[in-house]
N, C-alpha and C. Protein backbone atom coordinates (compact mmCIF):
# COMPACT_ATOMS: atom_id res chain seq x y z
N MET A 1 14.68 -13.80 -39.65
CA MET A 1 15.45 -14.03 -38.91
C MET A 1 16.06 -15.67 -38.41
N ASN A 2 16.72 -16.06 -38.57
CA ASN A 2 17.58 -17.37 -38.49
C ASN A 2 16.83 -18.33 -37.61
N GLU A 3 17.38 -19.52 -37.22
CA GLU A 3 16.70 -20.15 -36.33
C GLU A 3 17.89 -20.09 -34.92
N PHE A 4 19.04 -19.51 -35.20
CA PHE A 4 19.65 -19.28 -33.86
C PHE A 4 19.04 -17.92 -33.01
N GLU A 5 18.91 -17.17 -33.95
CA GLU A 5 18.80 -15.59 -33.37
C GLU A 5 17.07 -15.47 -33.05
N GLN A 6 15.82 -16.36 -33.74
CA GLN A 6 14.53 -17.03 -33.08
C GLN A 6 14.97 -17.59 -31.60
N ARG A 7 15.97 -18.40 -31.47
CA ARG A 7 15.91 -19.27 -30.15
C ARG A 7 16.59 -18.02 -29.24
N ALA A 8 17.44 -17.35 -29.49
CA ALA A 8 17.69 -16.59 -28.64
C ALA A 8 16.96 -15.39 -27.85
N TYR A 9 16.06 -14.88 -29.19
CA TYR A 9 15.09 -14.26 -28.84
C TYR A 9 14.11 -14.55 -27.90
N MET A 10 13.58 -15.75 -28.41
CA MET A 10 12.88 -16.85 -27.32
C MET A 10 13.12 -16.92 -25.87
N ALA A 11 14.60 -17.20 -25.58
CA ALA A 11 15.21 -17.34 -24.57
C ALA A 11 15.13 -15.87 -23.78
N GLU A 12 15.45 -15.27 -24.56
CA GLU A 12 15.51 -13.53 -23.77
C GLU A 12 14.06 -13.21 -23.15
N LEU A 13 13.09 -13.42 -24.30
CA LEU A 13 11.39 -13.51 -23.86
C LEU A 13 11.03 -14.25 -22.35
N GLY A 14 11.73 -15.67 -22.43
CA GLY A 14 11.58 -16.11 -21.20
C GLY A 14 12.09 -15.53 -20.46
N GLU A 15 13.39 -15.19 -20.02
CA GLU A 15 13.94 -14.56 -19.25
C GLU A 15 13.48 -13.29 -18.34
N LYS A 16 13.39 -12.83 -19.74
CA LYS A 16 12.32 -11.24 -19.11
C LYS A 16 10.95 -11.29 -18.30
N LEU A 17 10.23 -12.71 -19.08
CA LEU A 17 8.87 -13.06 -18.36
C LEU A 17 9.42 -13.22 -16.96
N ALA A 18 9.97 -14.11 -16.82
CA ALA A 18 10.46 -14.67 -15.33
C ALA A 18 10.89 -13.65 -14.40
N LYS A 19 11.31 -12.62 -15.08
CA LYS A 19 11.90 -11.49 -14.35
C LYS A 19 10.47 -10.49 -13.75
N ARG A 20 9.76 -10.13 -14.48
CA ARG A 20 8.59 -9.43 -14.75
C ARG A 20 7.69 -10.38 -13.73
N VAL A 21 7.60 -11.38 -13.48
CA VAL A 21 7.07 -12.40 -12.64
C VAL A 21 7.43 -12.31 -11.70
N TYR A 22 8.64 -12.17 -11.10
CA TYR A 22 9.60 -11.99 -9.77
C TYR A 22 9.20 -10.51 -9.43
N ASP A 23 9.38 -9.89 -10.35
CA ASP A 23 9.11 -7.94 -10.05
C ASP A 23 7.62 -8.39 -9.09
N MET A 24 6.61 -8.62 -10.29
CA MET A 24 5.02 -8.11 -9.93
C MET A 24 4.63 -8.95 -8.56
N LEU A 25 5.32 -10.07 -8.54
CA LEU A 25 5.22 -10.95 -7.14
C LEU A 25 5.81 -10.01 -5.70
N PHE A 26 6.61 -9.53 -5.68
CA PHE A 26 7.23 -8.57 -4.40
C PHE A 26 6.91 -7.79 -4.47
N ARG A 27 6.47 -7.15 -5.59
CA ARG A 27 6.16 -5.65 -5.51
C ARG A 27 4.93 -5.49 -5.08
N TYR A 28 3.92 -6.53 -4.99
CA TYR A 28 2.73 -6.06 -4.41
C TYR A 28 2.19 -7.08 -3.45
N THR A 29 2.51 -7.94 -3.43
CA THR A 29 2.51 -9.43 -2.39
C THR A 29 3.54 -9.81 -0.92
N THR A 30 4.51 -8.67 -1.13
CA THR A 30 5.53 -9.06 -0.11
C THR A 30 4.94 -9.53 1.17
N CYS A 31 3.86 -8.57 1.64
CA CYS A 31 3.70 -8.44 3.03
C CYS A 31 2.82 -10.02 3.16
N ILE A 32 2.31 -10.43 1.99
CA ILE A 32 1.02 -11.60 1.99
C ILE A 32 2.26 -13.14 2.11
N LEU A 33 3.39 -13.19 1.69
CA LEU A 33 4.36 -14.24 1.65
C LEU A 33 5.07 -14.59 2.64
N ASP A 34 5.21 -15.43 2.64
CA ASP A 34 6.63 -15.91 3.97
C ASP A 34 7.76 -16.76 3.19
N ILE A 35 8.58 -15.65 2.86
CA ILE A 35 9.82 -15.95 1.96
C ILE A 35 10.84 -16.92 2.75
N GLY A 36 10.74 -16.84 4.07
CA GLY A 36 11.53 -17.19 5.02
C GLY A 36 12.05 -18.83 4.69
N GLU A 37 10.99 -18.99 4.65
CA GLU A 37 10.74 -20.55 3.79
C GLU A 37 11.69 -21.10 3.00
N GLU A 38 11.47 -20.00 1.68
CA GLU A 38 12.59 -20.33 0.62
C GLU A 38 14.08 -20.28 1.00
N ASN A 39 14.13 -19.85 1.79
CA ASN A 39 15.61 -19.74 2.32
C ASN A 39 16.24 -20.30 3.67
N ASN A 40 15.39 -21.30 3.61
CA ASN A 40 15.32 -22.66 4.86
C ASN A 40 15.93 -23.50 3.88
N LEU A 41 16.75 -23.96 3.56
CA LEU A 41 17.43 -25.17 2.67
C LEU A 41 17.69 -26.56 3.30
N SER A 42 17.70 -26.09 4.59
CA SER A 42 17.69 -27.61 5.18
C SER A 42 16.62 -28.28 5.35
N THR A 43 15.66 -28.22 4.58
CA THR A 43 14.74 -28.74 4.26
C THR A 43 14.08 -29.52 2.99
N LEU A 44 15.43 -29.35 2.34
CA LEU A 44 15.53 -30.39 1.26
C LEU A 44 16.95 -30.99 1.22
N THR A 45 16.62 -32.02 0.43
CA THR A 45 18.02 -32.84 -0.10
C THR A 45 18.29 -32.38 -1.46
N VAL A 46 19.53 -32.99 -1.53
CA VAL A 46 20.28 -33.30 -2.80
C VAL A 46 19.37 -34.28 -3.58
N TYR A 47 18.87 -35.06 -3.22
CA TYR A 47 18.22 -35.97 -4.01
C TYR A 47 17.05 -35.55 -4.44
N GLU A 48 15.87 -34.99 -3.63
CA GLU A 48 15.27 -34.02 -4.08
C GLU A 48 15.37 -32.83 -5.46
N ILE A 49 16.39 -32.40 -5.18
CA ILE A 49 16.84 -31.20 -6.02
C ILE A 49 17.06 -32.04 -7.83
N MET A 50 18.26 -32.88 -7.26
CA MET A 50 18.69 -33.93 -8.34
C MET A 50 17.32 -34.32 -9.51
N ASN A 51 16.50 -34.97 -8.25
CA ASN A 51 14.75 -35.57 -8.79
C ASN A 51 14.52 -34.43 -9.97
N LYS A 52 14.26 -33.29 -8.90
CA LYS A 52 13.43 -32.38 -9.81
C LYS A 52 14.10 -31.96 -11.24
N VAL A 53 15.26 -31.72 -11.54
CA VAL A 53 15.97 -31.53 -12.49
C VAL A 53 16.21 -32.41 -13.63
N ARG A 54 16.46 -33.92 -12.75
CA ARG A 54 16.01 -35.14 -13.58
C ARG A 54 14.71 -35.12 -14.25
N ASP A 55 13.95 -34.82 -13.54
CA ASP A 55 11.98 -34.92 -14.00
C ASP A 55 12.22 -33.65 -14.90
N ALA A 56 12.47 -32.59 -15.14
CA ALA A 56 12.56 -31.32 -16.00
C ALA A 56 12.95 -31.82 -16.90
N MET A 57 14.21 -32.41 -17.47
CA MET A 57 15.04 -32.68 -18.11
C MET A 57 14.25 -33.52 -19.28
N ALA A 58 14.11 -34.86 -18.15
CA ALA A 58 13.34 -35.90 -18.99
C ALA A 58 12.23 -35.65 -19.91
N ALA A 59 11.39 -34.48 -19.37
CA ALA A 59 10.25 -33.44 -20.40
C ALA A 59 10.93 -33.31 -21.93
N GLU A 60 12.06 -32.95 -21.59
CA GLU A 60 12.49 -32.08 -23.04
C GLU A 60 11.80 -31.21 -23.09
N PRO A 61 11.93 -30.12 -22.32
CA PRO A 61 11.28 -28.77 -22.28
C PRO A 61 12.24 -27.95 -23.34
N ASN A 62 11.47 -27.51 -24.02
CA ASN A 62 12.33 -26.00 -24.79
C ASN A 62 13.14 -24.98 -24.35
N ASP A 63 13.97 -24.34 -24.99
CA ASP A 63 14.40 -23.65 -24.29
C ASP A 63 14.39 -22.78 -23.37
N VAL A 64 13.26 -21.55 -23.97
CA VAL A 64 12.26 -21.09 -22.96
C VAL A 64 12.35 -21.34 -21.84
N ASN A 65 11.40 -22.84 -21.48
CA ASN A 65 10.81 -23.36 -20.28
C ASN A 65 11.78 -23.80 -19.40
N LYS A 66 13.30 -24.43 -20.49
CA LYS A 66 14.25 -25.11 -19.45
C LYS A 66 14.75 -23.85 -18.98
N MET A 67 14.94 -22.44 -19.07
CA MET A 67 15.54 -21.35 -18.75
C MET A 67 14.45 -20.99 -17.48
N CYS A 68 13.21 -20.76 -17.82
CA CYS A 68 12.03 -20.26 -16.57
C CYS A 68 12.75 -21.06 -15.71
N PHE A 69 12.46 -22.49 -15.95
CA PHE A 69 12.44 -23.63 -14.82
C PHE A 69 13.73 -23.53 -14.07
N LEU A 70 14.89 -23.43 -14.44
CA LEU A 70 16.32 -22.90 -13.39
C LEU A 70 16.42 -21.73 -13.28
N GLU A 71 15.83 -20.70 -13.69
CA GLU A 71 15.41 -19.47 -13.05
C GLU A 71 14.58 -19.57 -11.57
N TYR A 72 13.74 -20.37 -11.81
CA TYR A 72 12.62 -20.49 -10.87
C TYR A 72 13.57 -21.16 -9.89
N LEU A 73 13.63 -22.65 -9.91
CA LEU A 73 14.81 -23.37 -9.00
C LEU A 73 15.75 -22.75 -8.08
N ALA A 74 16.65 -21.48 -8.97
CA ALA A 74 17.48 -20.91 -8.76
C ALA A 74 17.21 -20.26 -7.28
N LYS A 75 15.57 -19.34 -7.42
CA LYS A 75 15.19 -18.31 -6.58
C LYS A 75 14.49 -18.87 -5.73
N TYR A 76 13.46 -20.04 -5.75
CA TYR A 76 12.60 -20.88 -5.17
C TYR A 76 12.95 -21.94 -5.13
N PRO A 77 13.96 -22.51 -4.35
CA PRO A 77 14.06 -24.16 -4.47
C PRO A 77 13.05 -25.02 -3.94
N VAL A 78 12.87 -24.74 -2.74
CA VAL A 78 11.76 -25.06 -1.63
C VAL A 78 10.52 -25.68 -2.12
N SER A 79 10.24 -24.13 -2.70
CA SER A 79 8.75 -24.36 -3.49
C SER A 79 8.49 -25.33 -5.05
N MET A 80 9.79 -25.30 -5.33
CA MET A 80 10.11 -25.87 -6.65
C MET A 80 10.24 -27.36 -6.45
N CYS A 81 10.58 -27.86 -5.64
CA CYS A 81 11.17 -29.03 -5.10
C CYS A 81 9.89 -29.88 -4.11
N LYS A 82 9.30 -29.50 -3.16
CA LYS A 82 8.29 -29.95 -2.36
C LYS A 82 7.35 -30.57 -3.29
N ARG A 83 6.19 -31.67 -2.77
CA ARG A 83 5.34 -32.09 -3.27
C ARG A 83 4.22 -31.09 -3.27
N ASP A 84 3.91 -30.75 -2.39
CA ASP A 84 2.84 -29.87 -1.96
C ASP A 84 3.01 -28.28 -2.71
N VAL A 85 1.87 -27.92 -3.62
CA VAL A 85 1.72 -26.41 -3.42
C VAL A 85 1.84 -25.49 -2.81
N SER A 86 3.03 -25.08 -2.82
CA SER A 86 2.75 -23.79 -1.22
C SER A 86 2.14 -22.64 -1.89
N PRO A 87 1.87 -21.48 -1.18
CA PRO A 87 1.09 -20.33 -1.69
C PRO A 87 2.01 -19.35 -2.48
N LEU A 88 3.45 -19.34 -2.51
CA LEU A 88 4.53 -18.71 -3.55
C LEU A 88 4.43 -19.57 -4.48
N LEU A 89 4.63 -20.72 -4.74
CA LEU A 89 4.41 -21.33 -5.98
C LEU A 89 3.19 -21.07 -6.44
N LYS A 90 1.80 -21.27 -6.08
CA LYS A 90 0.81 -20.85 -6.50
C LYS A 90 0.53 -19.64 -7.37
N ARG A 91 0.99 -18.52 -6.63
CA ARG A 91 1.23 -17.31 -7.34
C ARG A 91 2.31 -17.45 -8.18
N LEU A 92 3.34 -17.71 -8.30
CA LEU A 92 4.15 -18.16 -9.47
C LEU A 92 3.42 -18.16 -10.72
N ILE A 93 2.99 -19.56 -10.35
CA ILE A 93 2.13 -20.47 -11.38
C ILE A 93 1.11 -19.05 -12.58
N GLY A 94 0.72 -18.55 -11.08
CA GLY A 94 -0.74 -18.03 -11.86
C GLY A 94 -0.43 -17.00 -12.41
N PHE A 95 0.71 -15.91 -11.81
CA PHE A 95 1.20 -15.02 -12.38
C PHE A 95 1.80 -14.71 -13.72
N HIS A 96 2.80 -16.11 -14.08
CA HIS A 96 3.58 -16.56 -15.01
C HIS A 96 2.78 -16.85 -16.23
N TYR A 97 1.45 -17.11 -15.82
CA TYR A 97 0.40 -17.58 -16.92
C TYR A 97 -0.20 -16.50 -17.31
N ARG A 98 -0.87 -15.33 -16.67
CA ARG A 98 -1.26 -14.22 -17.40
C ARG A 98 0.10 -13.19 -17.70
N LEU A 99 0.96 -13.19 -17.32
CA LEU A 99 2.32 -12.49 -18.04
C LEU A 99 2.42 -12.90 -19.31
N GLY A 100 2.59 -14.09 -19.42
CA GLY A 100 2.81 -15.03 -20.17
C GLY A 100 2.43 -14.65 -21.68
N ILE A 101 1.60 -13.68 -21.99
CA ILE A 101 1.23 -13.39 -22.71
C ILE A 101 1.77 -12.46 -23.81
N PRO A 102 2.13 -12.54 -25.31
CA PRO A 102 2.91 -11.74 -25.85
C PRO A 102 2.60 -10.68 -26.14
N THR A 103 3.04 -9.83 -26.29
CA THR A 103 2.42 -8.02 -27.53
C THR A 103 2.73 -8.70 -28.52
N GLU A 104 2.30 -7.74 -29.36
CA GLU A 104 2.07 -7.72 -31.02
C GLU A 104 3.36 -7.83 -31.64
N GLN A 105 4.22 -7.03 -31.17
CA GLN A 105 5.73 -7.18 -31.54
C GLN A 105 6.31 -8.49 -31.43
N GLN A 106 5.96 -8.95 -30.43
CA GLN A 106 6.82 -10.41 -29.63
C GLN A 106 5.82 -11.50 -30.46
N LYS A 107 4.70 -11.24 -31.19
CA LYS A 107 3.89 -12.38 -31.67
C LYS A 107 4.75 -12.19 -33.11
N LEU A 108 5.08 -11.15 -33.72
CA LEU A 108 5.73 -10.93 -35.31
C LEU A 108 6.70 -11.68 -35.23
N ASN A 109 7.49 -11.99 -33.85
CA ASN A 109 8.75 -12.07 -33.96
C ASN A 109 8.45 -13.74 -33.76
N GLY A 110 7.59 -14.35 -33.69
CA GLY A 110 6.95 -15.62 -33.04
C GLY A 110 6.79 -16.23 -31.66
N ALA A 111 6.85 -15.18 -30.62
CA ALA A 111 6.72 -15.53 -29.42
C ALA A 111 4.77 -16.30 -29.53
N GLU A 112 4.70 -17.09 -28.81
CA GLU A 112 3.34 -17.47 -28.74
C GLU A 112 2.22 -17.33 -26.92
N LYS A 113 1.87 -17.48 -26.91
CA LYS A 113 0.91 -17.32 -25.20
C LYS A 113 1.35 -18.46 -24.73
N ILE A 114 2.03 -18.14 -23.44
CA ILE A 114 1.76 -19.89 -22.34
C ILE A 114 0.68 -20.34 -22.17
N SER A 115 1.29 -21.72 -22.47
CA SER A 115 0.11 -22.98 -22.66
C SER A 115 0.11 -23.67 -20.54
N TYR A 116 -1.24 -24.15 -20.51
CA TYR A 116 -0.59 -25.27 -19.59
C TYR A 116 0.57 -25.91 -19.65
N ASP A 117 0.68 -27.15 -20.86
CA ASP A 117 1.73 -27.56 -21.04
C ASP A 117 3.02 -26.76 -20.68
N ASP A 118 3.22 -25.66 -21.14
CA ASP A 118 4.60 -25.16 -21.09
C ASP A 118 4.86 -24.98 -19.13
N LEU A 119 3.47 -24.36 -18.41
CA LEU A 119 3.63 -24.20 -17.24
C LEU A 119 4.07 -25.70 -16.54
N SER A 120 3.43 -26.65 -16.50
CA SER A 120 3.33 -27.86 -16.44
C SER A 120 4.92 -28.49 -16.59
N GLU A 121 5.52 -27.80 -17.57
CA GLU A 121 7.17 -28.42 -17.81
C GLU A 121 8.41 -27.41 -16.71
N ILE A 122 7.50 -26.07 -17.03
CA ILE A 122 8.47 -25.21 -15.72
C ILE A 122 8.25 -25.69 -14.58
N PHE A 123 7.26 -25.64 -13.83
CA PHE A 123 6.72 -26.31 -12.53
C PHE A 123 6.89 -27.64 -12.42
N GLY A 124 6.70 -28.14 -13.26
CA GLY A 124 6.91 -29.68 -12.52
C GLY A 124 5.70 -30.36 -12.07
N ARG A 125 4.56 -29.79 -12.40
CA ARG A 125 2.93 -30.06 -11.88
C ARG A 125 2.00 -30.48 -13.04
N SER A 126 0.85 -30.82 -12.83
CA SER A 126 0.09 -31.81 -13.50
C SER A 126 -0.64 -30.30 -14.04
N LYS A 127 -1.44 -30.64 -15.22
CA LYS A 127 -2.02 -29.61 -16.19
C LYS A 127 -3.15 -29.13 -15.29
N ALA A 128 -4.06 -29.95 -13.85
CA ALA A 128 -5.00 -29.86 -13.46
C ALA A 128 -4.23 -29.37 -12.55
N THR A 129 -3.31 -29.47 -11.62
CA THR A 129 -2.81 -28.27 -10.45
C THR A 129 -2.41 -26.80 -11.36
N ILE A 130 -2.16 -26.95 -12.23
CA ILE A 130 -1.79 -26.12 -13.18
C ILE A 130 -3.04 -24.56 -13.21
N SER A 131 -3.76 -25.47 -13.74
CA SER A 131 -5.36 -24.79 -14.12
C SER A 131 -6.05 -24.23 -12.40
N SER A 132 -5.41 -25.30 -11.49
CA SER A 132 -6.00 -24.79 -10.24
C SER A 132 -5.22 -23.72 -9.55
N CYS A 133 -4.27 -23.40 -9.80
CA CYS A 133 -3.01 -22.45 -9.32
C CYS A 133 -4.02 -21.10 -9.95
N VAL A 134 -4.09 -21.08 -11.40
CA VAL A 134 -4.33 -20.37 -12.29
C VAL A 134 -5.62 -19.77 -11.99
N ASN A 135 -6.56 -20.09 -11.28
CA ASN A 135 -7.73 -20.30 -10.96
C ASN A 135 -7.63 -19.33 -10.14
N GLU A 136 -6.98 -19.95 -8.92
CA GLU A 136 -7.16 -19.52 -7.46
C GLU A 136 -6.61 -18.36 -7.37
N THR A 137 -5.38 -17.81 -8.26
CA THR A 137 -4.74 -16.69 -8.34
C THR A 137 -5.53 -15.67 -9.44
N GLU A 138 -6.89 -15.76 -9.38
CA GLU A 138 -7.40 -14.62 -10.81
C GLU A 138 -7.84 -13.84 -9.62
N SER A 139 -8.62 -13.50 -8.52
CA SER A 139 -9.14 -12.56 -8.29
C SER A 139 -7.88 -11.65 -7.81
N GLU A 140 -6.44 -12.30 -7.23
CA GLU A 140 -5.51 -11.60 -6.54
C GLU A 140 -5.04 -10.79 -7.66
N TRP A 141 -4.73 -11.56 -8.60
CA TRP A 141 -4.44 -10.93 -10.06
C TRP A 141 -5.17 -9.64 -10.61
N ASN A 142 -6.36 -10.03 -10.56
CA ASN A 142 -7.15 -8.34 -10.78
C ASN A 142 -7.35 -7.23 -9.72
N GLU A 143 -6.96 -7.68 -8.67
CA GLU A 143 -6.79 -6.81 -7.70
C GLU A 143 -5.70 -5.95 -7.69
N ILE A 144 -4.11 -6.70 -8.37
CA ILE A 144 -2.59 -6.30 -8.03
C ILE A 144 -3.54 -5.54 -9.63
N GLN A 145 -3.47 -5.68 -10.54
CA GLN A 145 -4.02 -4.76 -11.88
C GLN A 145 -4.44 -3.63 -11.42
N ARG A 146 -5.45 -3.66 -10.71
CA ARG A 146 -6.21 -2.62 -10.27
C ARG A 146 -5.31 -1.65 -9.58
N GLN A 147 -4.25 -2.14 -8.46
CA GLN A 147 -3.53 -1.37 -7.84
C GLN A 147 -2.31 -0.73 -8.86
N ALA A 148 -1.88 -1.33 -9.79
CA ALA A 148 -1.20 -1.18 -10.85
C ALA A 148 -1.60 0.01 -11.61
N THR A 149 -2.72 0.10 -12.06
CA THR A 149 -3.30 1.22 -12.95
C THR A 149 -3.64 2.53 -11.77
N LEU A 150 -4.31 2.28 -10.43
CA LEU A 150 -4.24 3.45 -9.56
C LEU A 150 -3.23 3.83 -9.54
N GLU A 151 -1.93 2.99 -9.46
CA GLU A 151 -0.36 3.64 -9.01
C GLU A 151 -0.27 4.50 -10.60
N THR A 152 -0.39 3.73 -11.15
CA THR A 152 -0.27 4.51 -12.77
C THR A 152 -0.79 5.60 -13.22
N GLU A 153 -2.04 6.07 -12.66
CA GLU A 153 -3.00 7.06 -12.96
C GLU A 153 -2.58 7.92 -11.89
N ALA A 154 -2.06 7.63 -10.75
CA ALA A 154 -1.55 8.65 -9.62
C ALA A 154 -0.12 9.01 -10.07
N GLU A 155 0.65 8.46 -10.70
CA GLU A 155 2.08 9.02 -11.32
C GLU A 155 1.21 9.87 -12.36
N GLU A 156 0.80 9.67 -13.28
CA GLU A 156 0.62 10.73 -14.62
C GLU A 156 -0.04 12.12 -13.92
N GLU A 157 -0.92 11.98 -12.59
CA GLU A 157 -1.63 13.10 -12.52
C GLU A 157 -0.84 13.81 -11.33
N ALA A 158 0.38 13.15 -10.86
CA ALA A 158 1.48 14.09 -10.43
C ALA A 158 2.50 14.39 -11.42
N LYS A 159 2.43 14.06 -12.70
CA LYS A 159 3.14 14.64 -13.27
C LYS A 159 2.57 15.85 -14.50
N ARG A 160 1.85 15.59 -14.20
CA ARG A 160 0.58 16.98 -14.91
C ARG A 160 0.84 18.13 -13.99
N GLN A 161 0.44 17.85 -12.81
CA GLN A 161 0.53 19.05 -11.91
C GLN A 161 2.05 19.66 -11.84
N LEU A 162 2.95 18.70 -11.96
CA LEU A 162 4.26 18.89 -11.68
C LEU A 162 4.78 20.09 -13.03
N ILE A 163 4.22 19.44 -14.41
CA ILE A 163 4.26 20.36 -15.32
C ILE A 163 3.66 21.72 -15.52
N ALA A 164 1.98 21.40 -15.03
CA ALA A 164 1.60 23.14 -14.82
C ALA A 164 2.11 23.91 -13.61
N GLU A 165 3.01 23.33 -12.46
CA GLU A 165 3.73 24.48 -11.58
C GLU A 165 4.39 24.93 -12.50
N LYS A 166 5.19 24.16 -12.96
CA LYS A 166 6.64 24.51 -14.17
C LYS A 166 6.18 25.78 -14.77
N LYS A 167 5.09 25.45 -16.21
CA LYS A 167 4.73 26.19 -16.95
C LYS A 167 4.41 27.67 -16.04
N LYS A 168 3.59 27.47 -14.79
CA LYS A 168 3.24 28.43 -14.10
C LYS A 168 4.66 29.34 -13.83
N LYS A 169 5.36 29.01 -13.17
CA LYS A 169 6.50 29.51 -12.63
C LYS A 169 7.15 29.82 -14.03
N LEU A 170 7.21 29.63 -14.86
CA LEU A 170 7.91 29.91 -16.14
C LEU A 170 7.14 31.22 -16.76
N GLU A 171 5.82 31.06 -16.73
CA GLU A 171 5.03 32.08 -17.08
C GLU A 171 5.64 33.71 -16.23
N GLU A 172 5.67 33.38 -14.59
CA GLU A 172 5.63 34.27 -14.00
C GLU A 172 7.24 34.70 -13.86
N GLU A 173 7.80 33.98 -14.03
CA GLU A 173 9.30 34.70 -14.38
C GLU A 173 9.46 35.72 -15.86
N GLU A 174 8.90 35.22 -16.67
CA GLU A 174 8.80 35.91 -18.04
C GLU A 174 8.01 36.81 -18.14
N GLN A 175 7.13 37.33 -17.06
CA GLN A 175 5.82 38.32 -16.55
C GLN A 175 7.00 39.47 -15.90
N ASN A 176 7.84 38.79 -15.37
CA ASN A 176 9.05 39.43 -14.07
C ASN A 176 9.95 40.32 -14.69
N GLU A 177 10.29 39.17 -16.14
CA GLU A 177 11.53 39.86 -16.80
C GLU A 177 10.86 40.87 -18.13
N GLY A 178 9.68 40.79 -18.12
CA GLY A 178 9.21 41.81 -19.09
C GLY A 178 8.54 42.75 -18.71
N THR A 179 8.23 42.81 -17.10
CA THR A 179 8.00 44.09 -16.52
C THR A 179 9.69 44.91 -16.07
N ASN A 180 10.89 44.03 -15.80
CA ASN A 180 11.54 44.71 -15.42
C ASN A 180 12.19 45.68 -16.89
N ASP A 181 12.18 44.93 -17.80
CA ASP A 181 11.98 45.13 -18.83
C ASP A 181 11.69 46.68 -19.68
N LYS A 182 10.48 46.66 -19.12
CA LYS A 182 9.65 47.77 -19.24
C LYS A 182 9.89 48.92 -18.39
N GLN A 183 10.34 48.60 -17.19
CA GLN A 183 10.48 50.12 -15.87
C GLN A 183 11.45 50.77 -16.53
N PRO A 184 12.97 50.42 -17.27
CA PRO A 184 13.75 51.14 -17.34
C PRO A 184 13.09 52.03 -18.69
N ASN A 185 12.65 51.57 -19.50
CA ASN A 185 11.57 52.20 -20.38
C ASN A 185 11.04 53.41 -20.30
N GLU A 186 10.30 53.27 -19.11
CA GLU A 186 9.37 54.15 -18.74
C GLU A 186 9.76 55.60 -17.95
N ARG A 187 10.95 55.12 -17.15
CA ARG A 187 11.54 56.48 -16.98
C ARG A 187 12.25 57.34 -17.90
N SER A 188 12.64 56.89 -19.03
CA SER A 188 13.09 57.72 -20.02
C SER A 188 12.29 58.82 -20.60
């Protein structure tokens, strides 16, 4: 894989990671979070947004981190720009860290586990803040993983039951056809 292909692949991984964090966050925590604040851009100034972008680009992040930063800034401008760490931003950081563990195939293509340095570049927070967010979201992450496992098991069980029902129905139809085939022969 040449350098251009590898950079494109890494950027694609970063985009997928941001989407997985977004999906996971809203699939399991929508009732917990107040997203209304994110839509209230009147609390932000252009100066705050420009400073955030300027600070992020001054750190000279790699392409993946730059893409993740811009993705999150577009979706969560208030949380990304405000000085305080909102509950939403805390979850974004924690989930991004936990979902940033590459698969074996991704590792073969050059992907690495996301570090606190990477998160610091993406979210523009200190490593101490990043560490705190990751630690504070651990129990919530474990609960979400438990829920996801239960949902997967329930889906698998429903599929097994559906397959068993279909098999039974097919067997009954075959028996009925076999019975219908034998009846005309018995009359002769």
